[in-house]
Amino acid sequence: MNLVLHIWRQKESRDKGRFVRYELKEISHHMSFLEMLDILNQDLISKGEEPVAFEHDCREGICGSCAMVVNGVPHGVLRGSTVCQLHLRHFRDGEEIWVEPWRSRAFPVLKDLIVDRSAFDRIMQAGGFISVRTGSAPEANTTPIPKDTVELAMDAAECISCGACVAACPNGSAMLFIAAKTAHLGLLPQGQPERDSRVKAMIAQAEKEGFGYCSNYRECEAVCPKRISINFIAFANRDFHKAHLLPRPALKGGKAGG
């Protein structure tokens, strides 16, 4: 099949950037989108030109590093999938494809299709962890947890921190990411001691990073490669308000939550 690519090229963060047109001929429709970019880069290198810079790692839909917008949709038109799992059979022969990086003030472009997503790391450092000492791994049956709660926590834990939710949101909000990270800990017993401080710290850090506020557009849910529900945003909002209005009682030897 033949394809025409319009790829965003930007030398560095201060460069204005622009779309550059490339033509690919006689490529297999069985290729993944990233394999197609590999073929393009091999061709560019053989011509002495600068290859297209893009992030990738596992190429199995797990790491979330293959962040790019394809034809206006983060991760492309295939619902519940990452770009690395998008194959050329989902495109028509001769189709023109537009490829660009995430567009968000909090995710500045570094080069071509690569953006700086370290803001997510700083949000996690602010509260996305459990610091309570638990000693060795306890026997699972010593802390019974309802099956529905466990499955809900696992649904939230599927978040791969790719940033598609931010790229799709008209406000550039990171609330689906924050909600998933607070819920998968806040639903389990081990996450209770820091439940209040966690959500307050992570939302405060998101505001510092320049992420927008959630207006329930649901664009984040639509493009999430792990199909994480916006119901978790409601969970995070409830925890956030409770943390300010109804501080939890003090733990023995510790401080009150919130």
Protein backbone atom coordinates (compact mmCIF):
# COMPACT_ATOMS: atom_id res chain seq x y z
CA MET A 1 0.00 0.00 0.00
CA ASN A 2 1.01 3.64 -0.49
CA LEU A 3 0.65 6.37 2.13
CA VAL A 4 1.25 10.10 2.40
CA LEU A 5 2.45 11.27 5.81
CA HIS A 6 2.35 14.80 7.17
CA ILE A 7 4.63 14.69 10.21
CA TRP A 8 5.32 17.48 12.69
CA ARG A 9 9.02 18.34 12.62
CA GLN A 10 10.50 20.56 15.33
CA LYS A 11 14.22 20.76 16.03
CA GLU A 12 13.89 21.87 19.66
CA SER A 13 11.45 23.38 22.12
CA ARG A 14 12.17 26.95 20.95
CA ASP A 15 11.68 26.12 17.29
CA LYS A 16 8.29 26.97 15.73
CA GLY A 17 7.97 23.61 13.98
CA ARG A 18 6.00 22.65 10.89
CA PHE A 19 4.41 19.70 9.09
CA VAL A 20 6.61 17.97 6.51
CA ARG A 21 5.18 15.76 3.76
CA TYR A 22 6.58 12.27 3.13
CA GLU A 23 5.49 9.56 0.71
CA LEU A 24 5.81 5.85 1.43
CA LYS A 25 5.28 3.34 -1.37
CA GLU A 26 4.68 -0.40 -1.42
CA ILE A 27 4.63 -0.99 2.32
CA SER A 28 2.84 -3.90 3.95
CA HIS A 29 -0.56 -3.34 5.54
CA HIS A 30 0.52 -5.84 8.21
CA MET A 31 3.05 -3.34 9.62
CA SER A 32 2.42 -1.51 12.87
CA PHE A 33 2.40 2.28 12.80
CA LEU A 34 5.80 2.45 14.51
CA GLU A 35 7.30 -0.09 12.11
CA MET A 36 6.15 2.18 9.31
CA LEU A 37 7.95 5.11 10.99
CA ASP A 38 11.05 2.90 11.25
CA ILE A 39 10.93 2.32 7.49
CA LEU A 40 10.59 6.07 6.92
CA ASN A 41 13.56 6.80 9.18
CA GLN A 42 15.73 4.23 7.43
CA ASP A 43 14.93 5.94 4.15
CA LEU A 44 15.69 9.40 5.60
CA ILE A 45 19.01 8.23 7.06
CA SER A 46 20.03 6.66 3.73
CA LYS A 47 19.44 10.08 2.14
CA GLY A 48 21.51 11.83 4.80
CA GLU A 49 18.46 13.51 6.33
CA GLU A 50 17.47 13.80 9.99
CA PRO A 51 15.19 10.93 11.09
CA VAL A 52 11.86 11.61 12.80
CA ALA A 53 12.28 11.58 16.57
CA PHE A 54 9.60 9.64 18.46
CA GLU A 55 9.43 7.71 21.72
CA HIS A 56 8.95 3.95 21.98
CA ASP A 57 9.88 1.11 24.27
CA CYS A 58 7.81 -2.04 24.78
CA ARG A 59 5.74 -1.76 21.58
CA GLU A 60 3.16 -3.95 23.33
CA GLY A 61 0.73 -1.32 24.58
CA ILE A 62 2.13 -1.38 28.11
CA CYS A 63 4.68 1.41 28.63
CA GLY A 64 2.71 4.33 27.18
CA SER A 65 5.77 6.01 25.69
CA CYS A 66 4.56 5.94 22.04
CA ALA A 67 2.62 9.16 22.56
CA MET A 68 1.50 10.89 19.40
CA VAL A 69 -1.65 12.22 17.76
CA VAL A 70 -2.73 10.47 14.55
CA ASN A 71 -5.30 12.25 12.38
CA GLY A 72 -6.33 14.44 15.28
CA VAL A 73 -6.85 11.59 17.77
CA PRO A 74 -4.36 10.72 20.54
CA HIS A 75 -3.08 7.19 19.81
CA GLY A 76 -5.10 7.07 16.59
CA VAL A 77 -8.55 5.92 15.58
CA LEU A 78 -8.40 2.44 17.15
CA ARG A 79 -10.25 2.64 20.48
CA GLY A 80 -8.59 1.17 23.57
CA SER A 81 -5.16 0.93 21.95
CA THR A 82 -1.81 2.67 21.82
CA VAL A 83 -0.05 3.84 18.65
CA CYS A 84 2.37 0.91 18.76
CA GLN A 85 -0.62 -1.46 18.51
CA LEU A 86 -2.16 0.47 15.62
CA HIS A 87 -1.60 -1.32 12.30
CA LEU A 88 -1.69 -0.01 8.76
CA ARG A 89 -4.65 -2.24 7.89
CA HIS A 90 -6.77 0.38 9.65
CA PHE A 91 -5.89 2.89 6.92
CA ARG A 92 -6.83 3.06 3.25
CA ASP A 93 -4.36 2.72 0.40
CA GLY A 94 -3.25 6.21 -0.65
CA GLU A 95 -4.59 7.83 2.54
CA GLU A 96 -3.00 11.00 3.90
CA ILE A 97 -2.10 10.72 7.59
CA TRP A 98 -1.30 13.63 9.91
CA VAL A 99 1.03 12.86 12.82
CA GLU A 100 1.85 15.32 15.60
CA PRO A 101 2.89 15.35 19.28
CA TRP A 102 0.68 15.85 22.34
CA ARG A 103 -0.57 19.44 22.49
CA SER A 104 -0.57 20.73 26.06
CA ARG A 105 1.08 23.58 27.91
CA ALA A 106 2.20 21.09 30.57
CA PHE A 107 3.78 18.82 27.92
CA PRO A 108 6.22 21.06 25.99
CA VAL A 109 7.55 19.62 22.73
CA LEU A 110 11.22 18.62 22.95
CA LYS A 111 11.76 17.45 19.38
CA ASP A 112 9.45 16.30 16.57
CA LEU A 113 6.96 13.89 18.19
CA ILE A 114 8.61 13.82 21.63
CA VAL A 115 7.17 15.86 24.50
CA ASP A 116 8.37 16.39 28.06
CA ARG A 117 5.99 14.41 30.31
CA SER A 118 8.06 14.80 33.46
CA ALA A 119 5.15 16.75 34.97
CA PHE A 120 3.48 13.37 35.53
CA ASP A 121 6.56 12.19 37.42
CA ARG A 122 6.42 15.22 39.72
CA ILE A 123 2.72 14.60 40.40
CA MET A 124 3.54 11.03 41.40
CA GLN A 125 6.41 12.22 43.58
CA ALA A 126 3.99 14.58 45.33
CA GLY A 127 1.76 11.78 46.61
CA GLY A 128 1.30 8.78 44.35
CA PHE A 129 2.86 6.27 46.69
CA ILE A 130 2.50 4.45 50.02
CA SER A 131 5.20 5.24 52.56
CA VAL A 132 3.83 3.23 55.50
CA ARG A 133 6.24 0.50 56.59
CA THR A 134 4.61 -2.89 56.15
CA GLY A 135 7.59 -5.16 56.72
CA SER A 136 7.67 -8.33 54.68
CA ALA A 137 4.84 -9.12 52.29
CA PRO A 138 1.85 -10.20 54.41
CA GLU A 139 -0.25 -13.25 53.69
CA ALA A 140 -2.98 -12.12 51.28
CA ASN A 141 -5.76 -13.77 53.24
CA THR A 142 -4.97 -11.84 56.43
CA THR A 143 -6.65 -8.71 54.99
CA PRO A 144 -9.88 -9.75 53.28
CA ILE A 145 -10.89 -7.31 50.52
CA PRO A 146 -14.18 -7.60 48.60
CA LYS A 147 -13.70 -8.93 45.07
CA ASP A 148 -15.52 -5.97 43.52
CA THR A 149 -13.18 -3.55 45.31
CA VAL A 150 -10.09 -5.41 44.16
CA GLU A 151 -11.27 -5.44 40.55
CA LEU A 152 -12.10 -1.72 40.68
CA ALA A 153 -8.64 -0.96 42.09
CA MET A 154 -7.05 -3.03 39.33
CA ASP A 155 -9.07 -1.16 36.70
CA ALA A 156 -7.59 2.11 37.99
CA ALA A 157 -4.09 0.61 38.23
CA GLU A 158 -4.12 -0.12 34.48
CA CYS A 159 -3.23 3.54 33.79
CA ILE A 160 0.06 3.62 31.85
CA SER A 161 0.68 7.38 32.29
CA CYS A 162 0.79 7.98 28.54
CA GLY A 163 -0.86 11.41 28.70
CA ALA A 164 -3.51 10.81 26.02
CA CYS A 165 -6.14 12.10 28.44
CA VAL A 166 -4.32 15.44 28.68
CA ALA A 167 -3.82 15.68 24.92
CA ALA A 168 -7.52 15.07 24.24
CA CYS A 169 -8.93 17.35 26.94
CA PRO A 170 -9.87 20.86 25.71
CA ASN A 171 -8.69 22.14 29.11
CA GLY A 172 -5.48 20.10 29.17
CA SER A 173 -6.62 18.48 32.40
CA ALA A 174 -4.74 15.61 34.04
CA MET A 175 -7.66 14.56 36.27
CA LEU A 176 -8.17 11.11 34.73
CA PHE A 177 -4.50 10.33 35.35
CA ILE A 178 -4.64 11.68 38.92
CA ALA A 179 -7.93 9.92 39.60
CA ALA A 180 -6.58 6.56 38.46
CA LYS A 181 -3.43 6.92 40.55
CA THR A 182 -5.30 7.97 43.70
CA ALA A 183 -8.12 5.43 43.31
CA HIS A 184 -6.01 2.32 42.89
CA LEU A 185 -4.31 3.12 46.21
CA GLY A 186 -7.29 4.71 47.97
CA LEU A 187 -9.52 1.71 47.39
CA LEU A 188 -7.20 -0.67 49.24
CA PRO A 189 -6.45 -0.88 52.99
CA GLN A 190 -2.76 -0.18 52.47
CA GLY A 191 -3.55 3.21 50.95
CA GLN A 192 -5.80 4.53 53.71
CA PRO A 193 -3.26 6.26 56.04
CA GLU A 194 -2.24 8.76 53.33
CA ARG A 195 -5.50 8.85 51.40
CA ASP A 196 -6.31 12.47 52.26
CA SER A 197 -2.83 13.93 51.91
CA ARG A 198 -2.28 11.99 48.68
CA VAL A 199 -5.16 13.50 46.70
CA LYS A 200 -4.52 17.00 48.03
CA ALA A 201 -0.81 16.90 47.18
CA MET A 202 -1.28 15.44 43.69
CA ILE A 203 -3.97 17.91 42.65
CA ALA A 204 -1.96 20.82 44.05
CA GLN A 205 1.09 19.69 42.06
CA ALA A 206 -1.00 19.38 38.89
CA GLU A 207 -2.06 23.01 39.29
CA LYS A 208 1.58 24.04 39.67
CA GLU A 209 2.49 22.16 36.49
CA GLY A 210 -0.07 24.10 34.46
CA PHE A 211 -2.68 21.41 33.84
CA GLY A 212 -6.24 22.68 33.38
CA TYR A 213 -9.38 21.83 35.30
CA CYS A 214 -11.80 19.02 34.47
CA SER A 215 -15.07 20.08 32.84
CA ASN A 216 -16.38 16.55 32.19
CA TYR A 217 -15.98 16.65 28.42
CA ARG A 218 -15.21 12.91 28.60
CA GLU A 219 -12.64 13.22 25.80
CA CYS A 220 -10.11 11.67 28.20
CA GLU A 221 -12.21 8.53 28.63
CA ALA A 222 -12.75 8.26 24.87
CA VAL A 223 -9.04 8.13 24.01
CA CYS A 224 -7.66 6.29 27.05
CA PRO A 225 -5.88 3.17 25.72
CA LYS A 226 -6.88 1.30 28.89
CA ARG A 227 -10.50 2.53 28.80
CA ILE A 228 -10.30 4.00 32.31
CA SER A 229 -13.68 5.37 33.36
CA ILE A 230 -14.28 8.98 34.36
CA ASN A 231 -16.12 7.55 37.37
CA PHE A 232 -12.69 7.57 38.99
CA ILE A 233 -12.64 11.37 38.64
CA ALA A 234 -15.76 11.49 40.80
CA PHE A 235 -13.95 9.24 43.30
CA ALA A 236 -10.96 11.63 43.38
CA ASN A 237 -13.19 14.70 43.72
CA ARG A 238 -15.04 13.15 46.67
CA ASP A 239 -11.76 12.32 48.37
CA PHE A 240 -10.44 15.82 47.70
CA HIS A 241 -13.45 17.53 49.28
CA LYS A 242 -13.56 15.11 52.21
CA ALA A 243 -9.88 15.73 52.85
CA HIS A 244 -10.60 19.44 53.33
CA LEU A 245 -13.95 19.22 55.11
CA LEU A 246 -13.86 15.99 57.10
CA PRO A 247 -10.31 15.13 58.24
CA ARG A 248 -9.98 11.49 59.21
CA PRO A 249 -9.27 10.65 62.87
CA ALA A 250 -5.65 10.41 63.97
CA LEU A 251 -3.93 7.05 63.71
CA LYS A 252 -2.08 5.67 66.73
CA GLY A 253 1.39 7.17 66.67
CA GLY A 254 0.58 9.29 63.66
CA LYS A 255 -1.20 12.41 62.51
CA ALA A 256 -4.75 12.95 61.38
CA GLY A 257 -5.37 12.64 57.66
CA GLY A 258 -5.98 15.87 55.79
